[in-house]
Each structure stands twice: as C-alpha cells, then as structure tokens.
Amino acid sequence: MRFRFRAALAALLCFMTLRPTAAAQSPSPSRKMSIVFETGNWQPQSLNEELRLSSFGECGATPRLAAGFSFPLGKEIGFRLVGGFWSLRDPDEDRDLLQPLSFHSVSADFKYWLVPDFRLSAYALYGVTVYWGTENESRPFGSGLRSARPSWGANLGAGFDLALSRRIGTGMTFQYRLMRPREAVGGLSDFSGPDIAVALYFFP
C-alpha cells in the first residue's frame, strides 16, 4: 500500500513538473506570428441554381488554395493577409449558361480572439477581399490574369487554431464571402457563399 502511494505521488509530481514545459513548447497561436497554408470549399450560392453544380467538386470546381501570414496586434486582436486561387474548369458542356472561370484573391482579415492564451484558440473573423476574376481560364497563372477584372468583397466568419507543437499548428475557418463583381464573370454576377477551410500553420 505504501509503495502504491509513493508511486502515485511520484507520478503526480512528474506530471506537474512536465506540464509547464509542454505548455511552453506549444504556445498559444494568438501570441505567435505564423505562415499559413489553407485549402477549402468555397461554394457560391448562385452555382446551386445551375444544373449539375449542386455540390463541391462537380464540373471541375477546384478547392480554394491560399497562403499567407498571420500575426498578433494585441492581446485579443490579430491580423492575417492571405492570397488565394479558385477556379471552375468545365461548368457546362454547351457553354451557354456558364463559362470556365478563375479567381485570384487577396484577403485582409482581423481575428478577434475569443479564447486567447490557450493552445486551442477560437476567434471571430472580419475582413475584406479583392478578387481578380477572368473567364475561360482555369490555370493559376494563365494569360487571362493580365486582363482580370478586380472586385471587392467582405468576409465574416469564425474559426479555431490549435498549436500542435512549438513550430506547427492547425485550424479550421468558417466564413461567408460576400462577393458581387462589378461585371459578370463567366455569366454570373454574384459569387457570395460559404467557405470552409482547413489551415496548417508554421511558427518561425
């Protein structure tokens, strides 16, 4: 009985000793500058009105790919700048209703941390995005990019980040993108819709 008590006490002391070390190796994402890579599903609601475009991945709809960086501005506020790409490669066989198209984007978002100073940090997200949309183009850096038409949009959402170690983290973002280009792109004038993305962070 005495041996079991001593073993339990030793295990408890060991846990209490190692716990601060583990926390120090996995800092709060809200406190660290990070390089971020994202991939997700941007689903403009207007596409749901077109035949055969009711779900992600059909007719050549690609994942939204993005990369950028994020850094803290204060105890509860952070900022991130992310560039992205999304395309619709083969939306309609007859090419009457909708043309192939692509969008490049640069998003500037403020992150309001709801739970700062923890390895698992939730936040609300507010920001704006500038989009360059071009028709009949689905390559990331195709010739149509030179004549792409810029438009502004707004972002509103929430998410969470999780520090896996001192150098690596992950997370998810749930946004609604409000985007109505000044001129129709690929036959559509409203690309507003939800965007769900998974992120991978690297802390320098």
N, C-alpha and C. Protein backbone atom coordinates (compact mmCIF):
# COMPACT_ATOMS: atom_id res chain seq x y z
N MET A 1 0.84 -1.20 0.00
CA MET A 1 0.00 0.00 0.00
C MET A 1 0.87 1.25 0.00
N ARG A 2 1.92 1.23 0.85
CA ARG A 2 2.82 2.37 0.92
C ARG A 2 3.54 2.57 -0.41
N PHE A 3 3.89 1.45 -1.08
CA PHE A 3 4.59 1.53 -2.37
C PHE A 3 3.69 2.17 -3.43
N ARG A 4 2.40 1.80 -3.43
CA ARG A 4 1.47 2.36 -4.40
C ARG A 4 1.27 3.86 -4.16
N PHE A 5 1.22 4.26 -2.89
CA PHE A 5 1.06 5.68 -2.57
C PHE A 5 2.26 6.48 -3.05
N ARG A 6 3.45 5.95 -2.81
CA ARG A 6 4.65 6.65 -3.25
C ARG A 6 4.73 6.72 -4.78
N ALA A 7 4.31 5.67 -5.46
CA ALA A 7 4.33 5.67 -6.93
C ALA A 7 3.34 6.69 -7.49
N ALA A 8 2.16 6.75 -6.87
CA ALA A 8 1.17 7.72 -7.32
C ALA A 8 1.64 9.15 -7.08
N LEU A 9 2.27 9.38 -5.91
CA LEU A 9 2.79 10.71 -5.59
C LEU A 9 3.91 11.10 -6.56
N ALA A 10 4.77 10.16 -6.89
CA ALA A 10 5.86 10.43 -7.84
C ALA A 10 5.31 10.75 -9.22
N ALA A 11 4.27 10.02 -9.63
CA ALA A 11 3.66 10.29 -10.94
C ALA A 11 3.01 11.66 -10.98
N LEU A 12 2.35 12.05 -9.89
CA LEU A 12 1.72 13.37 -9.82
C LEU A 12 2.75 14.47 -9.88
N LEU A 13 3.85 14.33 -9.15
CA LEU A 13 4.91 15.35 -9.17
C LEU A 13 5.55 15.44 -10.55
N CYS A 14 5.70 14.30 -11.20
CA CYS A 14 6.28 14.28 -12.55
C CYS A 14 5.36 15.01 -13.53
N PHE A 15 4.05 14.77 -13.42
CA PHE A 15 3.08 15.44 -14.29
C PHE A 15 3.09 16.94 -14.08
N MET A 16 3.14 17.38 -12.81
CA MET A 16 3.13 18.80 -12.51
C MET A 16 4.42 19.46 -12.98
N THR A 17 5.49 18.71 -12.99
CA THR A 17 6.77 19.27 -13.44
C THR A 17 6.82 19.40 -14.96
N LEU A 18 6.28 18.41 -15.66
CA LEU A 18 6.36 18.41 -17.11
C LEU A 18 5.29 19.27 -17.76
N ARG A 19 4.21 19.55 -17.09
CA ARG A 19 3.11 20.30 -17.68
C ARG A 19 3.51 21.69 -18.14
N PRO A 20 4.22 22.51 -17.33
CA PRO A 20 4.64 23.81 -17.83
C PRO A 20 5.56 23.72 -19.03
N THR A 21 6.41 22.68 -19.06
CA THR A 21 7.32 22.51 -20.19
C THR A 21 6.54 22.24 -21.46
N ALA A 22 5.53 21.38 -21.40
CA ALA A 22 4.72 21.09 -22.57
C ALA A 22 3.99 22.33 -23.05
N ALA A 23 3.48 23.14 -22.10
CA ALA A 23 2.77 24.36 -22.47
C ALA A 23 3.71 25.34 -23.14
N ALA A 24 4.95 25.39 -22.65
CA ALA A 24 5.91 26.31 -23.25
C ALA A 24 6.28 25.88 -24.65
N GLN A 25 6.29 24.56 -24.93
CA GLN A 25 6.62 24.09 -26.26
C GLN A 25 5.47 24.25 -27.24
N SER A 26 4.25 24.42 -26.77
CA SER A 26 3.09 24.59 -27.62
C SER A 26 2.39 25.90 -27.27
N PRO A 27 2.91 27.03 -27.74
CA PRO A 27 2.37 28.33 -27.35
C PRO A 27 0.99 28.58 -27.96
N SER A 28 0.31 29.58 -27.44
CA SER A 28 -0.98 29.96 -28.00
C SER A 28 -0.79 30.54 -29.40
N PRO A 29 -1.60 30.10 -30.40
CA PRO A 29 -1.49 30.68 -31.74
C PRO A 29 -1.75 32.17 -31.77
N SER A 30 -2.50 32.69 -30.78
CA SER A 30 -2.81 34.11 -30.77
C SER A 30 -1.60 34.96 -30.39
N ARG A 31 -0.53 34.34 -29.93
CA ARG A 31 0.64 35.06 -29.47
C ARG A 31 1.83 34.95 -30.42
N LYS A 32 1.66 34.23 -31.53
CA LYS A 32 2.80 33.95 -32.40
C LYS A 32 2.51 34.40 -33.84
N MET A 33 3.53 34.95 -34.50
CA MET A 33 3.45 35.15 -35.93
C MET A 33 3.51 33.79 -36.60
N SER A 34 2.78 33.62 -37.71
CA SER A 34 2.75 32.32 -38.36
C SER A 34 2.63 32.47 -39.87
N ILE A 35 3.14 31.48 -40.57
CA ILE A 35 2.94 31.32 -42.00
C ILE A 35 1.82 30.30 -42.17
N VAL A 36 0.84 30.62 -43.00
CA VAL A 36 -0.36 29.79 -43.07
C VAL A 36 -0.60 29.31 -44.49
N PHE A 37 -1.04 28.04 -44.61
CA PHE A 37 -1.48 27.45 -45.87
C PHE A 37 -2.90 26.93 -45.66
N GLU A 38 -3.80 27.23 -46.60
CA GLU A 38 -5.20 26.85 -46.47
C GLU A 38 -5.69 26.12 -47.72
N THR A 39 -6.63 25.22 -47.52
CA THR A 39 -7.39 24.63 -48.61
C THR A 39 -8.81 24.43 -48.13
N GLY A 40 -9.77 24.72 -49.02
CA GLY A 40 -11.15 24.62 -48.56
C GLY A 40 -12.14 24.62 -49.71
N ASN A 41 -13.40 24.67 -49.34
CA ASN A 41 -14.52 24.61 -50.27
C ASN A 41 -15.26 25.94 -50.25
N TRP A 42 -15.08 26.72 -51.30
CA TRP A 42 -15.87 27.95 -51.49
C TRP A 42 -17.04 27.57 -52.39
N GLN A 43 -18.26 27.74 -51.91
CA GLN A 43 -19.44 27.33 -52.65
C GLN A 43 -20.37 28.52 -52.89
N PRO A 44 -20.13 29.30 -53.96
CA PRO A 44 -21.06 30.40 -54.29
C PRO A 44 -22.48 29.87 -54.44
N GLN A 45 -23.42 30.53 -53.79
CA GLN A 45 -24.80 30.04 -53.80
C GLN A 45 -25.42 30.09 -55.19
N SER A 46 -24.97 31.02 -56.03
CA SER A 46 -25.55 31.12 -57.37
C SER A 46 -25.25 29.88 -58.20
N LEU A 47 -24.17 29.16 -57.88
CA LEU A 47 -23.86 27.94 -58.61
C LEU A 47 -24.88 26.85 -58.33
N ASN A 48 -25.52 26.88 -57.18
CA ASN A 48 -26.52 25.87 -56.85
C ASN A 48 -27.76 25.98 -57.74
N GLU A 49 -27.93 27.15 -58.38
CA GLU A 49 -29.07 27.33 -59.26
C GLU A 49 -28.82 26.76 -60.65
N GLU A 50 -27.53 26.48 -60.95
CA GLU A 50 -27.21 25.91 -62.26
C GLU A 50 -27.28 24.39 -62.20
N LEU A 51 -27.69 23.80 -63.31
CA LEU A 51 -27.77 22.34 -63.40
C LEU A 51 -26.38 21.74 -63.25
N ARG A 52 -26.29 20.64 -62.53
CA ARG A 52 -25.05 19.86 -62.35
C ARG A 52 -24.03 20.56 -61.47
N LEU A 53 -24.38 21.66 -60.83
CA LEU A 53 -23.42 22.37 -59.99
C LEU A 53 -23.90 22.46 -58.56
N SER A 54 -24.56 21.41 -58.10
CA SER A 54 -25.16 21.47 -56.78
C SER A 54 -24.19 21.10 -55.66
N SER A 55 -23.01 20.58 -55.98
CA SER A 55 -22.10 20.18 -54.91
C SER A 55 -20.66 20.46 -55.29
N PHE A 56 -19.82 20.56 -54.30
CA PHE A 56 -18.40 20.85 -54.48
C PHE A 56 -17.72 19.73 -55.25
N GLY A 57 -16.85 20.11 -56.19
CA GLY A 57 -16.09 19.14 -56.93
C GLY A 57 -16.68 18.73 -58.26
N GLU A 58 -17.97 19.02 -58.51
CA GLU A 58 -18.57 18.67 -59.78
C GLU A 58 -18.17 19.66 -60.86
N CYS A 59 -18.05 19.17 -62.08
CA CYS A 59 -17.77 20.01 -63.24
C CYS A 59 -16.48 20.80 -63.10
N GLY A 60 -15.51 20.23 -62.41
CA GLY A 60 -14.21 20.87 -62.34
C GLY A 60 -14.07 21.96 -61.32
N ALA A 61 -14.99 22.09 -60.38
CA ALA A 61 -14.83 23.08 -59.32
C ALA A 61 -13.66 22.67 -58.43
N THR A 62 -12.63 23.50 -58.34
CA THR A 62 -11.42 23.14 -57.61
C THR A 62 -11.51 23.59 -56.16
N PRO A 63 -10.71 23.02 -55.27
CA PRO A 63 -10.60 23.57 -53.92
C PRO A 63 -10.03 24.98 -53.98
N ARG A 64 -10.38 25.79 -53.01
CA ARG A 64 -9.74 27.10 -52.89
C ARG A 64 -8.41 26.90 -52.17
N LEU A 65 -7.33 27.33 -52.79
CA LEU A 65 -6.00 27.22 -52.23
C LEU A 65 -5.50 28.61 -51.84
N ALA A 66 -4.84 28.72 -50.69
CA ALA A 66 -4.39 30.02 -50.22
C ALA A 66 -3.14 29.88 -49.37
N ALA A 67 -2.38 30.97 -49.30
CA ALA A 67 -1.18 31.02 -48.47
C ALA A 67 -0.95 32.46 -48.05
N GLY A 68 -0.37 32.64 -46.86
CA GLY A 68 -0.10 33.98 -46.36
C GLY A 68 0.53 33.93 -45.00
N PHE A 69 0.26 34.96 -44.19
CA PHE A 69 0.83 35.01 -42.85
C PHE A 69 -0.15 35.68 -41.90
N SER A 70 0.06 35.44 -40.62
CA SER A 70 -0.79 35.99 -39.56
C SER A 70 0.09 36.41 -38.40
N PHE A 71 -0.29 37.50 -37.72
CA PHE A 71 0.50 37.94 -36.57
C PHE A 71 -0.41 38.69 -35.59
N PRO A 72 -0.04 38.72 -34.30
CA PRO A 72 -0.87 39.39 -33.29
C PRO A 72 -0.68 40.90 -33.33
N LEU A 73 -1.77 41.63 -33.05
CA LEU A 73 -1.74 43.09 -32.91
C LEU A 73 -1.92 43.52 -31.46
N GLY A 74 -2.41 42.63 -30.64
CA GLY A 74 -2.65 42.90 -29.23
C GLY A 74 -3.06 41.63 -28.53
N LYS A 75 -3.56 41.76 -27.32
CA LYS A 75 -3.91 40.58 -26.54
C LYS A 75 -5.05 39.80 -27.17
N GLU A 76 -6.03 40.48 -27.78
CA GLU A 76 -7.21 39.81 -28.30
C GLU A 76 -7.41 40.00 -29.79
N ILE A 77 -6.52 40.71 -30.47
CA ILE A 77 -6.70 41.02 -31.88
C ILE A 77 -5.49 40.56 -32.68
N GLY A 78 -5.73 39.93 -33.81
CA GLY A 78 -4.68 39.53 -34.73
C GLY A 78 -5.04 39.98 -36.13
N PHE A 79 -4.09 39.85 -37.04
CA PHE A 79 -4.29 40.26 -38.43
C PHE A 79 -3.68 39.20 -39.33
N ARG A 80 -4.35 38.93 -40.45
CA ARG A 80 -3.80 37.98 -41.41
C ARG A 80 -3.98 38.51 -42.83
N LEU A 81 -3.02 38.21 -43.68
CA LEU A 81 -3.04 38.59 -45.09
C LEU A 81 -2.80 37.31 -45.90
N VAL A 82 -3.78 36.95 -46.76
CA VAL A 82 -3.74 35.66 -47.45
C VAL A 82 -4.08 35.85 -48.92
N GLY A 83 -3.29 35.25 -49.80
CA GLY A 83 -3.60 35.22 -51.22
C GLY A 83 -4.13 33.86 -51.62
N GLY A 84 -5.15 33.84 -52.50
CA GLY A 84 -5.79 32.58 -52.83
C GLY A 84 -6.12 32.43 -54.30
N PHE A 85 -6.53 31.20 -54.68
CA PHE A 85 -6.91 30.87 -56.05
C PHE A 85 -8.04 29.86 -56.02
N TRP A 86 -9.03 30.06 -56.92
CA TRP A 86 -10.16 29.14 -57.07
C TRP A 86 -10.61 29.18 -58.52
N SER A 87 -11.05 28.03 -59.07
CA SER A 87 -11.48 28.02 -60.47
C SER A 87 -12.61 27.04 -60.68
N LEU A 88 -13.30 27.26 -61.80
CA LEU A 88 -14.37 26.38 -62.28
C LEU A 88 -13.97 26.00 -63.70
N ARG A 89 -13.57 24.75 -63.90
CA ARG A 89 -12.89 24.38 -65.15
C ARG A 89 -13.83 23.99 -66.28
N ASP A 90 -14.87 23.24 -65.98
CA ASP A 90 -15.74 22.74 -67.04
C ASP A 90 -17.19 22.78 -66.58
N PRO A 91 -17.76 23.98 -66.43
CA PRO A 91 -19.07 24.10 -65.79
C PRO A 91 -20.24 23.60 -66.63
N ASP A 92 -20.14 23.68 -67.95
CA ASP A 92 -21.29 23.32 -68.76
C ASP A 92 -20.81 22.86 -70.13
N GLU A 93 -21.32 21.71 -70.58
CA GLU A 93 -20.85 21.16 -71.85
C GLU A 93 -21.18 22.07 -73.02
N ASP A 94 -22.36 22.69 -73.00
CA ASP A 94 -22.77 23.54 -74.11
C ASP A 94 -22.17 24.95 -74.02
N ARG A 95 -21.63 25.28 -72.84
CA ARG A 95 -21.01 26.59 -72.62
C ARG A 95 -21.99 27.74 -72.87
N ASP A 96 -23.29 27.50 -72.63
CA ASP A 96 -24.29 28.55 -72.83
C ASP A 96 -24.60 29.28 -71.53
N LEU A 97 -24.74 28.53 -70.45
CA LEU A 97 -25.15 29.14 -69.19
C LEU A 97 -23.98 29.72 -68.42
N LEU A 98 -22.85 29.01 -68.43
CA LEU A 98 -21.75 29.41 -67.58
C LEU A 98 -20.43 29.05 -68.24
N GLN A 99 -19.48 29.98 -68.21
CA GLN A 99 -18.18 29.79 -68.83
C GLN A 99 -17.15 29.34 -67.79
N PRO A 100 -16.09 28.65 -68.20
CA PRO A 100 -14.98 28.39 -67.28
C PRO A 100 -14.43 29.70 -66.75
N LEU A 101 -13.99 29.71 -65.51
CA LEU A 101 -13.53 30.95 -64.90
C LEU A 101 -12.55 30.65 -63.78
N SER A 102 -11.87 31.69 -63.34
CA SER A 102 -10.98 31.57 -62.18
C SER A 102 -10.95 32.88 -61.43
N PHE A 103 -10.62 32.79 -60.14
CA PHE A 103 -10.49 33.96 -59.29
C PHE A 103 -9.18 33.89 -58.52
N HIS A 104 -8.39 34.96 -58.60
CA HIS A 104 -7.29 35.19 -57.67
C HIS A 104 -7.80 36.16 -56.61
N SER A 105 -7.29 36.06 -55.42
CA SER A 105 -7.79 36.91 -54.34
C SER A 105 -6.69 37.25 -53.35
N VAL A 106 -6.86 38.39 -52.70
CA VAL A 106 -6.02 38.78 -51.56
C VAL A 106 -6.96 39.23 -50.45
N SER A 107 -6.91 38.54 -49.31
CA SER A 107 -7.80 38.83 -48.17
C SER A 107 -7.02 39.45 -47.03
N ALA A 108 -7.60 40.49 -46.45
CA ALA A 108 -7.05 41.12 -45.25
C ALA A 108 -8.11 40.99 -44.15
N ASP A 109 -7.80 40.22 -43.11
CA ASP A 109 -8.78 39.91 -42.07
C ASP A 109 -8.25 40.24 -40.68
N PHE A 110 -9.15 40.71 -39.84
CA PHE A 110 -8.85 40.87 -38.42
C PHE A 110 -9.44 39.69 -37.66
N LYS A 111 -8.63 39.12 -36.78
CA LYS A 111 -9.06 37.99 -35.96
C LYS A 111 -9.27 38.49 -34.52
N TYR A 112 -10.48 38.36 -34.03
CA TYR A 112 -10.78 38.72 -32.64
C TYR A 112 -10.81 37.44 -31.82
N TRP A 113 -9.78 37.28 -30.97
CA TRP A 113 -9.61 36.04 -30.22
C TRP A 113 -10.62 35.96 -29.08
N LEU A 114 -11.45 34.94 -29.09
CA LEU A 114 -12.43 34.73 -28.02
C LEU A 114 -11.80 34.02 -26.83
N VAL A 115 -10.79 33.19 -27.11
CA VAL A 115 -10.11 32.45 -26.05
C VAL A 115 -8.60 32.60 -26.28
N PRO A 116 -8.01 33.75 -25.94
CA PRO A 116 -6.57 33.92 -26.14
C PRO A 116 -5.76 33.16 -25.09
N ASP A 117 -4.47 33.02 -25.37
CA ASP A 117 -3.51 32.42 -24.42
C ASP A 117 -3.76 30.95 -24.14
N PHE A 118 -4.35 30.24 -25.09
CA PHE A 118 -4.52 28.79 -24.97
C PHE A 118 -4.04 28.13 -26.25
N ARG A 119 -3.61 26.89 -26.14
CA ARG A 119 -3.20 26.14 -27.34
C ARG A 119 -4.35 26.03 -28.33
N LEU A 120 -5.58 25.86 -27.85
CA LEU A 120 -6.77 25.84 -28.69
C LEU A 120 -7.43 27.20 -28.57
N SER A 121 -7.38 27.99 -29.63
CA SER A 121 -7.82 29.39 -29.58
C SER A 121 -8.93 29.62 -30.61
N ALA A 122 -10.11 29.99 -30.14
CA ALA A 122 -11.22 30.31 -31.02
C ALA A 122 -11.22 31.81 -31.33
N TYR A 123 -11.77 32.17 -32.49
CA TYR A 123 -11.78 33.57 -32.89
C TYR A 123 -12.95 33.86 -33.81
N ALA A 124 -13.32 35.16 -33.88
CA ALA A 124 -14.23 35.68 -34.90
C ALA A 124 -13.39 36.38 -35.95
N LEU A 125 -13.87 36.39 -37.19
CA LEU A 125 -13.08 36.89 -38.31
C LEU A 125 -13.87 37.93 -39.08
N TYR A 126 -13.24 39.09 -39.32
CA TYR A 126 -13.86 40.17 -40.08
C TYR A 126 -12.83 40.69 -41.08
N GLY A 127 -13.23 40.85 -42.35
CA GLY A 127 -12.25 41.34 -43.29
C GLY A 127 -12.82 41.68 -44.65
N VAL A 128 -11.92 42.05 -45.56
CA VAL A 128 -12.27 42.37 -46.93
C VAL A 128 -11.34 41.59 -47.86
N THR A 129 -11.80 41.39 -49.09
CA THR A 129 -11.02 40.67 -50.10
C THR A 129 -11.14 41.40 -51.43
N VAL A 130 -10.03 41.49 -52.15
CA VAL A 130 -10.07 41.95 -53.53
C VAL A 130 -9.88 40.73 -54.43
N TYR A 131 -10.75 40.60 -55.43
CA TYR A 131 -10.76 39.46 -56.34
C TYR A 131 -10.41 39.92 -57.75
N TRP A 132 -9.66 39.07 -58.45
CA TRP A 132 -9.42 39.28 -59.88
C TRP A 132 -10.03 38.09 -60.61
N GLY A 133 -11.15 38.33 -61.30
CA GLY A 133 -11.85 37.26 -61.98
C GLY A 133 -11.64 37.31 -63.48
N THR A 134 -11.45 36.14 -64.07
CA THR A 134 -11.27 36.07 -65.52
C THR A 134 -12.02 34.88 -66.09
N GLU A 135 -12.57 35.03 -67.28
CA GLU A 135 -13.34 33.99 -67.94
C GLU A 135 -12.44 33.12 -68.81
N ASN A 136 -12.93 31.91 -69.10
CA ASN A 136 -12.24 30.97 -69.99
C ASN A 136 -10.81 30.72 -69.55
N GLU A 137 -10.59 30.68 -68.26
CA GLU A 137 -9.25 30.50 -67.71
C GLU A 137 -9.35 29.72 -66.42
N SER A 138 -8.61 28.61 -66.30
CA SER A 138 -8.64 27.82 -65.08
C SER A 138 -7.25 27.54 -64.53
N ARG A 139 -6.21 28.03 -65.22
CA ARG A 139 -4.85 27.82 -64.73
C ARG A 139 -4.49 28.88 -63.71
N PRO A 140 -3.68 28.54 -62.71
CA PRO A 140 -3.35 29.53 -61.67
C PRO A 140 -2.72 30.80 -62.21
N PHE A 141 -1.87 30.71 -63.22
CA PHE A 141 -1.20 31.89 -63.75
C PHE A 141 -1.32 31.91 -65.27
N GLY A 142 -2.57 31.78 -65.75
CA GLY A 142 -2.81 31.80 -67.18
C GLY A 142 -2.73 33.20 -67.77
N SER A 143 -2.84 33.26 -69.09
CA SER A 143 -2.71 34.54 -69.79
C SER A 143 -3.85 35.49 -69.46
N GLY A 144 -5.00 34.95 -69.04
CA GLY A 144 -6.14 35.81 -68.73
C GLY A 144 -5.96 36.66 -67.50
N LEU A 145 -4.97 36.35 -66.69
CA LEU A 145 -4.76 37.11 -65.45
C LEU A 145 -4.42 38.56 -65.74
N ARG A 146 -3.78 38.83 -66.88
CA ARG A 146 -3.40 40.21 -67.21
C ARG A 146 -4.61 41.10 -67.45
N SER A 147 -5.71 40.50 -67.89
CA SER A 147 -6.92 41.28 -68.17
C SER A 147 -8.02 41.02 -67.14
N ALA A 148 -7.67 40.41 -66.01
CA ALA A 148 -8.68 40.09 -64.99
C ALA A 148 -9.30 41.35 -64.42
N ARG A 149 -10.58 41.23 -64.07
CA ARG A 149 -11.32 42.37 -63.56
C ARG A 149 -11.36 42.35 -62.03
N PRO A 150 -10.87 43.41 -61.38
CA PRO A 150 -10.86 43.42 -59.91
C PRO A 150 -12.23 43.78 -59.33
N SER A 151 -12.56 43.15 -58.21
CA SER A 151 -13.79 43.44 -57.47
C SER A 151 -13.51 43.28 -55.99
N TRP A 152 -14.31 44.00 -55.18
CA TRP A 152 -14.16 43.94 -53.73
C TRP A 152 -15.25 43.09 -53.11
N GLY A 153 -14.90 42.44 -51.98
CA GLY A 153 -15.88 41.66 -51.24
C GLY A 153 -15.61 41.74 -49.75
N ALA A 154 -16.56 41.29 -48.95
CA ALA A 154 -16.43 41.29 -47.49
C ALA A 154 -16.47 39.86 -46.97
N ASN A 155 -15.80 39.63 -45.83
CA ASN A 155 -15.75 38.31 -45.20
C ASN A 155 -16.25 38.41 -43.76
N LEU A 156 -16.99 37.43 -43.34
CA LEU A 156 -17.46 37.35 -41.96
C LEU A 156 -17.48 35.89 -41.56
N GLY A 157 -16.85 35.57 -40.42
CA GLY A 157 -16.83 34.18 -40.03
C GLY A 157 -16.23 33.94 -38.66
N ALA A 158 -15.83 32.71 -38.43
CA ALA A 158 -15.24 32.29 -37.16
C ALA A 158 -14.37 31.09 -37.42
N GLY A 159 -13.58 30.71 -36.41
CA GLY A 159 -12.71 29.56 -36.56
C GLY A 159 -11.96 29.26 -35.29
N PHE A 160 -11.04 28.32 -35.39
CA PHE A 160 -10.19 27.99 -34.25
C PHE A 160 -8.83 27.55 -34.76
N ASP A 161 -7.80 27.79 -33.96
CA ASP A 161 -6.43 27.36 -34.24
C ASP A 161 -5.95 26.51 -33.08
N LEU A 162 -5.16 25.50 -33.41
CA LEU A 162 -4.63 24.59 -32.40
C LEU A 162 -3.13 24.45 -32.60
N ALA A 163 -2.34 24.82 -31.59
CA ALA A 163 -0.89 24.64 -31.64
C ALA A 163 -0.57 23.19 -31.33
N LEU A 164 0.01 22.48 -32.30
CA LEU A 164 0.38 21.09 -32.11
C LEU A 164 1.74 20.95 -31.47
N SER A 165 2.61 21.92 -31.72
CA SER A 165 3.94 21.94 -31.13
C SER A 165 4.44 23.38 -31.14
N ARG A 166 5.69 23.58 -30.82
CA ARG A 166 6.25 24.91 -30.80
C ARG A 166 6.37 25.49 -32.21
N ARG A 167 6.38 24.64 -33.25
CA ARG A 167 6.60 25.09 -34.61
C ARG A 167 5.43 24.88 -35.56
N ILE A 168 4.47 24.03 -35.20
CA ILE A 168 3.41 23.65 -36.12
C ILE A 168 2.04 23.78 -35.44
N GLY A 169 1.05 24.23 -36.21
CA GLY A 169 -0.32 24.30 -35.73
C GLY A 169 -1.29 24.01 -36.85
N THR A 170 -2.54 23.81 -36.49
CA THR A 170 -3.58 23.57 -37.48
C THR A 170 -4.83 24.32 -37.07
N GLY A 171 -5.87 24.30 -37.89
CA GLY A 171 -7.08 25.00 -37.55
C GLY A 171 -8.13 24.89 -38.65
N MET A 172 -9.30 25.45 -38.39
CA MET A 172 -10.39 25.49 -39.36
C MET A 172 -11.01 26.87 -39.35
N THR A 173 -11.47 27.32 -40.52
CA THR A 173 -12.13 28.62 -40.66
C THR A 173 -13.47 28.42 -41.36
N PHE A 174 -14.49 29.07 -40.84
CA PHE A 174 -15.83 29.04 -41.42
C PHE A 174 -16.20 30.48 -41.75
N GLN A 175 -16.33 30.79 -43.05
CA GLN A 175 -16.61 32.16 -43.47
C GLN A 175 -17.80 32.22 -44.41
N TYR A 176 -18.41 33.41 -44.47
CA TYR A 176 -19.34 33.72 -45.55
C TYR A 176 -18.70 34.83 -46.37
N ARG A 177 -18.50 34.57 -47.65
CA ARG A 177 -17.88 35.54 -48.55
C ARG A 177 -18.97 36.27 -49.33
N LEU A 178 -19.04 37.57 -49.14
CA LEU A 178 -19.99 38.40 -49.89
C LEU A 178 -19.22 39.01 -51.06
N MET A 179 -19.51 38.54 -52.30
CA MET A 179 -18.75 38.98 -53.46
C MET A 179 -19.65 39.10 -54.68
N ARG A 180 -19.85 40.33 -55.12
CA ARG A 180 -20.63 40.61 -56.32
C ARG A 180 -19.80 41.48 -57.24
N PRO A 181 -19.19 40.88 -58.27
CA PRO A 181 -18.32 41.66 -59.16
C PRO A 181 -19.08 42.75 -59.89
N ARG A 182 -18.37 43.80 -60.24
CA ARG A 182 -18.99 44.92 -60.95
C ARG A 182 -19.47 44.50 -62.33
N GLU A 183 -18.77 43.54 -62.95
CA GLU A 183 -19.18 42.97 -64.22
C GLU A 183 -19.27 41.46 -64.07
N ALA A 184 -20.19 40.86 -64.78
CA ALA A 184 -20.38 39.40 -64.70
C ALA A 184 -19.10 38.68 -65.11
N VAL A 185 -18.80 37.60 -64.42
CA VAL A 185 -17.65 36.75 -64.73
C VAL A 185 -18.17 35.35 -65.05
N GLY A 186 -17.91 34.88 -66.25
CA GLY A 186 -18.38 33.56 -66.64
C GLY A 186 -19.89 33.44 -66.71
N GLY A 187 -20.58 34.56 -66.82
CA GLY A 187 -22.03 34.55 -66.90
C GLY A 187 -22.73 34.74 -65.57
N LEU A 188 -21.99 34.92 -64.47
CA LEU A 188 -22.58 35.12 -63.15
C LEU A 188 -22.16 36.46 -62.57
N SER A 189 -23.06 37.07 -61.81
CA SER A 189 -22.77 38.38 -61.20
C SER A 189 -22.79 38.33 -59.69
N ASP A 190 -22.95 37.14 -59.11
CA ASP A 190 -22.98 37.02 -57.65
C ASP A 190 -22.28 35.72 -57.26
N PHE A 191 -21.16 35.83 -56.55
CA PHE A 191 -20.40 34.67 -56.10
C PHE A 191 -20.40 34.56 -54.58
N SER A 192 -21.37 35.18 -53.93
CA SER A 192 -21.47 35.11 -52.48
C SER A 192 -21.80 33.69 -52.04
N GLY A 193 -21.18 33.27 -50.93
CA GLY A 193 -21.47 31.94 -50.43
C GLY A 193 -20.53 31.53 -49.32
N PRO A 194 -20.79 30.39 -48.68
CA PRO A 194 -19.97 29.91 -47.56
C PRO A 194 -18.64 29.36 -48.02
N ASP A 195 -17.67 29.42 -47.14
CA ASP A 195 -16.32 28.91 -47.40
C ASP A 195 -15.83 28.22 -46.13
N ILE A 196 -15.52 26.94 -46.23
CA ILE A 196 -14.98 26.18 -45.12
C ILE A 196 -13.57 25.75 -45.48
N ALA A 197 -12.58 26.07 -44.64
CA ALA A 197 -11.19 25.81 -44.98
C ALA A 197 -10.46 25.17 -43.80
N VAL A 198 -9.47 24.35 -44.13
CA VAL A 198 -8.55 23.76 -43.17
C VAL A 198 -7.20 24.44 -43.34
N ALA A 199 -6.55 24.79 -42.23
CA ALA A 199 -5.30 25.54 -42.27
C ALA A 199 -4.17 24.77 -41.60
N LEU A 200 -2.97 25.00 -42.10
CA LEU A 200 -1.74 24.49 -41.49
C LEU A 200 -0.84 25.67 -41.22
N TYR A 201 -0.35 25.79 -39.98
CA TYR A 201 0.46 26.93 -39.55
C TYR A 201 1.90 26.49 -39.25
N PHE A 202 2.82 27.38 -39.59
CA PHE A 202 4.22 27.19 -39.21
C PHE A 202 4.66 28.44 -38.43
N PHE A 203 5.13 28.23 -37.22
CA PHE A 203 5.58 29.35 -36.37
C PHE A 203 7.08 29.52 -36.52
N PRO A 204 7.54 30.63 -37.10
CA PRO A 204 9.01 30.84 -37.29
C PRO A 204 9.74 30.87 -35.96
